[in-house]
Amino acid sequence: PSIATDGEGRWMAVWATRTPIGENGEDPDIVGATSGDGGMTWGTPFPVDSQGLTDREIDVEAEPRLRYGGSGTWLAVWEKRGAFA
C-alpha cells in the first residue's frame, strides 16, 4: 500500500486487491480509501482505476504509489501488466 496526507488531517491510501469491488471480477485492481480524521477512521474502499469496475480481462495491477498534489488533488500511479480491457 501507499499512504499520503495533505498535511491538514486528510489521508488517502491506495493498494492492490483481489477482493471484488462491485462487479470487477477477481483480477487484481487498485483501490483506495480516505480518512478525514488523521487516519483514525477510514471510509469504504473505492476503485482508483477508472476501468476497475468494467475490465473483464485478467491483468495484474500492482505497485501503487500515491502523492498529494496540493489544492485537493491526489496522484496515483501503478504498474499494469497482462491483457488490457
C-alpha atoms as a PDB file:
ATOM      1  CA  PRO A   1       0.000   0.000   0.000  1.00  0.00           C
ATOM      2  CA  SER A   2       0.883   3.646  -0.351  1.00  0.00           C
ATOM      3  CA  ILE A   3      -0.374   6.363   2.001  1.00  0.00           C
ATOM      4  CA  ALA A   4      -0.233  10.152   1.674  1.00  0.00           C
ATOM      5  CA  THR A   5      -1.574  13.153   3.559  1.00  0.00           C
ATOM      6  CA  ASP A   6      -2.499  16.693   2.644  1.00  0.00           C
ATOM      7  CA  GLY A   7      -0.946  17.908   5.903  1.00  0.00           C
ATOM      8  CA  GLU A   8      -4.330  19.085   7.187  1.00  0.00           C
ATOM      9  CA  GLY A   9      -5.742  15.835   8.604  1.00  0.00           C
ATOM     10  CA  ARG A  10      -6.943  14.220   5.379  1.00  0.00           C
ATOM     11  CA  TRP A  11      -5.248  10.959   4.415  1.00  0.00           C
ATOM     12  CA  MET A  12      -5.608   8.643   1.433  1.00  0.00           C
ATOM     13  CA  ALA A  13      -4.344   5.082   0.996  1.00  0.00           C
ATOM     14  CA  VAL A  14      -4.181   3.009  -2.188  1.00  0.00           C
ATOM     15  CA  TRP A  15      -3.435  -0.711  -2.571  1.00  0.00           C
ATOM     16  CA  ALA A  16      -3.821  -3.673  -4.918  1.00  0.00           C
ATOM     17  CA  THR A  17      -6.557  -6.150  -4.064  1.00  0.00           C
ATOM     18  CA  ARG A  18      -8.250  -9.248  -5.460  1.00  0.00           C
ATOM     19  CA  THR A  19     -11.340  -8.573  -3.362  1.00  0.00           C
ATOM     20  CA  PRO A  20     -14.160  -7.668  -5.777  1.00  0.00           C
ATOM     21  CA  ILE A  21     -15.488  -4.100  -5.569  1.00  0.00           C
ATOM     22  CA  GLY A  22     -18.792  -4.009  -7.439  1.00  0.00           C
ATOM     23  CA  GLU A  23     -18.682  -6.253 -10.489  1.00  0.00           C
ATOM     24  CA  ASN A  24     -14.975  -6.062 -11.263  1.00  0.00           C
ATOM     25  CA  GLY A  25     -14.275  -9.792 -11.150  1.00  0.00           C
ATOM     26  CA  GLU A  26     -11.312 -11.442  -9.492  1.00  0.00           C
ATOM     27  CA  ASP A  27      -8.384  -9.793 -11.248  1.00  0.00           C
ATOM     28  CA  PRO A  28      -6.225  -7.517  -9.097  1.00  0.00           C
ATOM     29  CA  ASP A  29      -7.350  -3.906  -9.104  1.00  0.00           C
ATOM     30  CA  ILE A  30      -6.179  -0.737  -7.380  1.00  0.00           C
ATOM     31  CA  VAL A  31      -8.494   0.583  -4.688  1.00  0.00           C
ATOM     32  CA  GLY A  32      -8.295   3.464  -2.256  1.00  0.00           C
ATOM     33  CA  ALA A  33      -9.820   4.765   0.937  1.00  0.00           C
ATOM     34  CA  THR A  34      -9.798   8.162   2.609  1.00  0.00           C
ATOM     35  CA  SER A  35      -9.681   9.403   6.172  1.00  0.00           C
ATOM     36  CA  GLY A  36     -10.717  12.865   7.282  1.00  0.00           C
ATOM     37  CA  ASP A  37      -9.567  12.495  10.885  1.00  0.00           C
ATOM     38  CA  GLY A  38      -5.833  11.881  10.622  1.00  0.00           C
ATOM     39  CA  GLY A  39      -6.168   8.156   9.952  1.00  0.00           C
ATOM     40  CA  MET A  40      -8.273   7.293  12.995  1.00  0.00           C
ATOM     41  CA  THR A  41     -11.130   6.002  10.820  1.00  0.00           C
ATOM     42  CA  TRP A  42     -11.307   5.123   7.109  1.00  0.00           C
ATOM     43  CA  GLY A  43     -14.077   5.242   4.523  1.00  0.00           C
ATOM     44  CA  THR A  44     -15.310   2.454   2.278  1.00  0.00           C
ATOM     45  CA  PRO A  45     -12.747   1.325  -0.324  1.00  0.00           C
ATOM     46  CA  PHE A  46     -13.390   2.559  -3.877  1.00  0.00           C
ATOM     47  CA  PRO A  47     -11.831   1.719  -7.262  1.00  0.00           C
ATOM     48  CA  VAL A  48      -8.972   4.056  -8.208  1.00  0.00           C
ATOM     49  CA  ASP A  49      -8.557   2.690 -11.744  1.00  0.00           C
ATOM     50  CA  SER A  50     -11.294   4.122 -13.982  1.00  0.00           C
ATOM     51  CA  GLN A  51     -11.566   0.660 -15.619  1.00  0.00           C
ATOM     52  CA  GLY A  52     -11.600  -1.173 -12.301  1.00  0.00           C
ATOM     53  CA  LEU A  53     -15.329  -1.872 -12.334  1.00  0.00           C
ATOM     54  CA  THR A  54     -15.589  -2.780 -16.003  1.00  0.00           C
ATOM     55  CA  ASP A  55     -12.463  -4.643 -17.107  1.00  0.00           C
ATOM     56  CA  ARG A  56     -13.085  -8.331 -17.593  1.00  0.00           C
ATOM     57  CA  GLU A  57      -9.621  -9.348 -18.770  1.00  0.00           C
ATOM     58  CA  ILE A  58      -7.156 -10.932 -16.431  1.00  0.00           C
ATOM     59  CA  ASP A  59      -4.491  -8.335 -15.834  1.00  0.00           C
ATOM     60  CA  VAL A  60      -2.279  -7.505 -12.914  1.00  0.00           C
ATOM     61  CA  GLU A  61      -2.367  -4.076 -11.346  1.00  0.00           C
ATOM     62  CA  ALA A  62       0.296  -3.676  -8.683  1.00  0.00           C
ATOM     63  CA  GLU A  63       2.820  -1.393  -7.007  1.00  0.00           C
ATOM     64  CA  PRO A  64       0.556   1.640  -6.427  1.00  0.00           C
ATOM     65  CA  ARG A  65       2.158   4.920  -5.395  1.00  0.00           C
ATOM     66  CA  LEU A  66       0.260   7.941  -4.103  1.00  0.00           C
ATOM     67  CA  ARG A  67       1.132  11.611  -3.645  1.00  0.00           C
ATOM     68  CA  TYR A  68      -0.806  14.689  -2.632  1.00  0.00           C
ATOM     69  CA  GLY A  69      -0.506  17.323  -5.360  1.00  0.00           C
ATOM     70  CA  GLY A  70      -1.950  20.299  -3.499  1.00  0.00           C
ATOM     71  CA  SER A  71      -5.242  22.147  -3.907  1.00  0.00           C
ATOM     72  CA  GLY A  72      -7.248  18.993  -3.163  1.00  0.00           C
ATOM     73  CA  THR A  73      -5.655  16.853  -5.885  1.00  0.00           C
ATOM     74  CA  TRP A  74      -4.134  13.407  -5.428  1.00  0.00           C
ATOM     75  CA  LEU A  75      -1.967  11.493  -7.906  1.00  0.00           C
ATOM     76  CA  ALA A  76      -1.908   7.698  -8.008  1.00  0.00           C
ATOM     77  CA  VAL A  77       0.244   5.645 -10.365  1.00  0.00           C
ATOM     78  CA  TRP A  78       0.658   1.884 -10.638  1.00  0.00           C
ATOM     79  CA  GLU A  79       2.018  -0.892 -12.803  1.00  0.00           C
ATOM     80  CA  LYS A  80      -0.372  -2.735 -15.119  1.00  0.00           C
ATOM     81  CA  ARG A  81       0.635  -5.981 -16.842  1.00  0.00           C
ATOM     82  CA  GLY A  82      -1.224  -8.517 -18.956  1.00  0.00           C
ATOM     83  CA  ALA A  83      -4.333  -8.225 -21.108  1.00  0.00           C
ATOM     84  CA  PHE A  84      -5.839  -4.763 -21.225  1.00  0.00           C
ATOM     85  CA  ALA A  85      -9.577  -4.166 -21.451  1.00  0.00           C
END
